[in-house]
Protein backbone atom coordinates (compact mmCIF):
# COMPACT_ATOMS: atom_id res chain seq x y z
CA UNK A 1 38.98 24.20 3.11
CA UNK A 2 36.17 21.94 2.22
CA UNK A 3 32.60 23.02 2.81
CA UNK A 4 31.09 20.10 4.76
CA UNK A 5 27.36 19.57 4.93
CA UNK A 6 25.58 18.00 7.89
CA UNK A 7 24.17 18.74 11.32
CA UNK A 8 26.13 19.91 14.29
CA UNK A 9 25.92 18.12 17.62
CA UNK A 10 23.96 21.04 19.10
CA UNK A 11 21.33 20.84 16.35
CA UNK A 12 20.90 17.10 16.86
CA UNK A 13 20.58 17.43 20.65
CA UNK A 14 18.11 20.30 20.31
CA UNK A 15 15.95 18.28 17.91
CA UNK A 16 16.01 15.23 20.18
CA UNK A 17 15.00 17.30 23.22
CA UNK A 18 12.05 18.86 21.34
CA UNK A 19 10.88 15.40 20.26
CA UNK A 20 11.19 14.12 23.85
CA UNK A 21 9.14 17.05 25.20
CA UNK A 22 6.43 16.50 22.58
CA UNK A 23 6.34 12.77 23.39
CA UNK A 24 5.94 13.52 27.12
CA UNK A 25 3.08 15.93 26.41
CA UNK A 26 1.30 13.39 24.20
CA UNK A 27 1.64 10.62 26.80
CA UNK A 28 0.34 12.95 29.51
CA UNK A 29 -2.65 13.98 27.39
CA UNK A 30 -3.53 10.45 26.31
CA UNK A 31 -2.90 8.92 29.77
CA UNK A 32 -3.13 5.23 28.93
CA UNK A 33 -3.71 4.16 32.55
CA UNK A 34 -6.86 6.28 32.72
CA UNK A 35 -8.07 4.80 29.43
CA UNK A 36 -7.59 1.25 30.80
CA UNK A 37 -9.48 2.16 33.98
CA UNK A 38 -12.36 3.63 31.95
CA UNK A 39 -12.46 0.52 29.76
CA UNK A 40 -12.67 -1.74 32.83
CA UNK A 41 -15.46 0.44 34.25
CA UNK A 42 -17.36 0.10 30.97
CA UNK A 43 -16.98 -3.66 31.22
CA UNK A 44 -18.24 -3.57 34.82
CA UNK A 45 -21.28 -1.56 33.74
CA UNK A 46 -22.15 -4.10 31.06
CA UNK A 47 -21.64 -7.03 33.42
CA UNK A 48 -23.83 -5.70 36.24
CA UNK A 49 -26.51 -4.93 33.62
CA UNK A 50 -26.24 -8.54 32.45
CA UNK A 51 -26.68 -9.86 36.00
CA UNK A 52 -29.64 -7.55 36.63
CA UNK A 53 -31.28 -8.57 33.33
CA UNK A 54 -30.86 -12.26 34.19
CA UNK A 55 -32.47 -11.74 37.62
CA UNK A 56 -35.30 -9.79 35.99
CA UNK A 57 -35.88 -12.53 33.41
CA UNK A 58 -35.86 -15.15 36.19
CA UNK A 59 -38.46 -13.09 38.06
CA UNK A 60 -40.68 -12.87 34.94
CA UNK A 61 -40.46 -16.61 34.34
CA UNK A 62 -41.26 -17.42 38.00
CA UNK A 63 -44.35 -15.27 38.60
CA UNK A 64 -42.51 -12.38 40.25
CA UNK A 65 -40.40 -14.52 42.58
CA UNK A 66 -36.77 -13.53 43.03
CA UNK A 67 -33.96 -16.01 43.65
CA UNK A 68 -34.36 -16.80 47.35
CA UNK A 69 -30.73 -16.10 48.25
CA UNK A 70 -30.93 -12.35 47.51
CA UNK A 71 -31.00 -10.36 50.77
CA UNK A 72 -31.59 -6.72 51.67
CA UNK A 73 -27.94 -6.32 52.62
CA UNK A 74 -25.58 -5.73 49.67
CA UNK A 75 -23.60 -8.98 49.51
CA UNK A 76 -21.05 -10.31 47.06
CA UNK A 77 -22.28 -12.79 44.44
CA UNK A 78 -20.82 -16.31 44.35
CA UNK A 79 -18.88 -17.55 41.29
CA UNK A 80 -20.41 -20.11 38.98
CA UNK A 81 -19.32 -23.56 40.17
CA UNK A 82 -17.66 -22.27 43.36
CA UNK A 83 -16.73 -24.81 46.01
CA UNK A 84 -18.55 -22.88 48.73
CA UNK A 85 -20.94 -19.93 48.68
CA UNK A 86 -20.99 -19.38 52.44
CA UNK A 87 -21.43 -15.67 53.13
CA UNK A 88 -22.12 -14.98 49.45
CA UNK A 89 -25.28 -14.72 47.35
CA UNK A 90 -25.77 -17.93 45.38
CA UNK A 91 -27.33 -17.17 41.99
CA UNK A 92 -26.77 -20.66 40.58
CA UNK A 93 -30.48 -20.74 39.62
CA UNK A 94 -29.55 -18.30 36.86
CA UNK A 95 -26.82 -20.53 35.43
CA UNK A 96 -28.59 -23.89 35.76
CA UNK A 97 -28.81 -25.33 32.24
CA UNK A 98 -27.43 -21.95 31.07
CA UNK A 99 -31.03 -20.72 30.99
CA UNK A 100 -30.37 -17.08 31.95
CA UNK A 101 -26.56 -16.87 32.06
CA UNK A 102 -23.77 -19.20 31.00
CA UNK A 103 -21.80 -18.06 34.04
CA UNK A 104 -21.84 -15.15 36.47
CA UNK A 105 -19.53 -12.39 35.13
CA UNK A 106 -16.41 -11.64 37.20
CA UNK A 107 -15.02 -8.14 37.83
CA UNK A 108 -12.05 -7.56 35.48
CA UNK A 109 -9.74 -6.22 38.16
CA UNK A 110 -11.46 -6.46 41.52
CA UNK A 111 -10.18 -7.78 44.81
CA UNK A 112 -12.80 -10.11 46.18
CA UNK A 113 -13.60 -13.32 48.02
CA UNK A 114 -11.91 -16.36 46.43
CA UNK A 115 -15.37 -17.77 45.61
CA UNK A 116 -16.90 -14.41 44.68
CA UNK A 117 -17.15 -12.27 41.56
CA UNK A 118 -16.65 -8.84 43.24
CA UNK A 119 -20.16 -7.68 42.30
CA UNK A 120 -22.78 -7.19 44.98
CA UNK A 121 -26.54 -7.63 44.83
CA UNK A 122 -29.37 -6.68 47.17
CA UNK A 123 -33.10 -6.17 47.19
CA UNK A 124 -34.62 -2.97 48.46
CA UNK A 125 -37.20 -3.71 51.16
CA UNK A 126 -40.45 -5.26 49.99
CA UNK A 127 -40.57 -3.14 46.84
CA UNK A 128 -38.98 -5.89 44.78
CA UNK A 129 -36.32 -3.54 43.43
CA UNK A 130 -32.94 -5.13 42.88
CA UNK A 131 -29.61 -3.29 42.96
CA UNK A 132 -26.38 -4.66 41.53
CA UNK A 133 -23.17 -2.74 42.24
CA UNK A 134 -19.51 -2.89 41.32
CA UNK A 135 -17.77 -1.77 44.52
CA UNK A 136 -14.27 -2.02 43.00
CA UNK A 137 -14.96 0.53 40.25
CA UNK A 138 -11.97 2.67 39.32
CA UNK A 139 -11.49 6.42 38.71
CA UNK A 140 -13.54 7.17 41.85
CA UNK A 141 -16.68 5.99 40.07
CA UNK A 142 -19.72 4.37 41.59
CA UNK A 143 -21.29 1.81 39.30
CA UNK A 144 -24.71 0.70 40.45
CA UNK A 145 -27.90 -0.23 38.62
CA UNK A 146 -31.35 -0.74 40.13
CA UNK A 147 -34.52 -2.11 38.64
């Protein structure tokens, strides 16, 4: 009889099952969907900060006056160049001549009005404080910045 070298079928199946279990554990720990959601939330945070900074700069350049379309009720912001801004906050004064913004940022994954950007803006009473929120934030987060 010859002495044959190699792996048996049982050894190969056992090795493949261990690799499959380890792969499943790694995928569960890494959770790519959660990482994508966190990345989109980071983008939302940056974008609402950008909008708030543009409004603040507009206010500084106009002797404390806010864009007139901002109301006390949180309302969705209109897209740059939208056909109609009815029912939305028109911040086109920020994008005119690209002075404060080139265009209003749009939520990376939000469900919003066809002419909106999915971000909301409001002023708080007569205090002059502005709040910009991302109502479609993921991972049960609330993303809101006030100044």
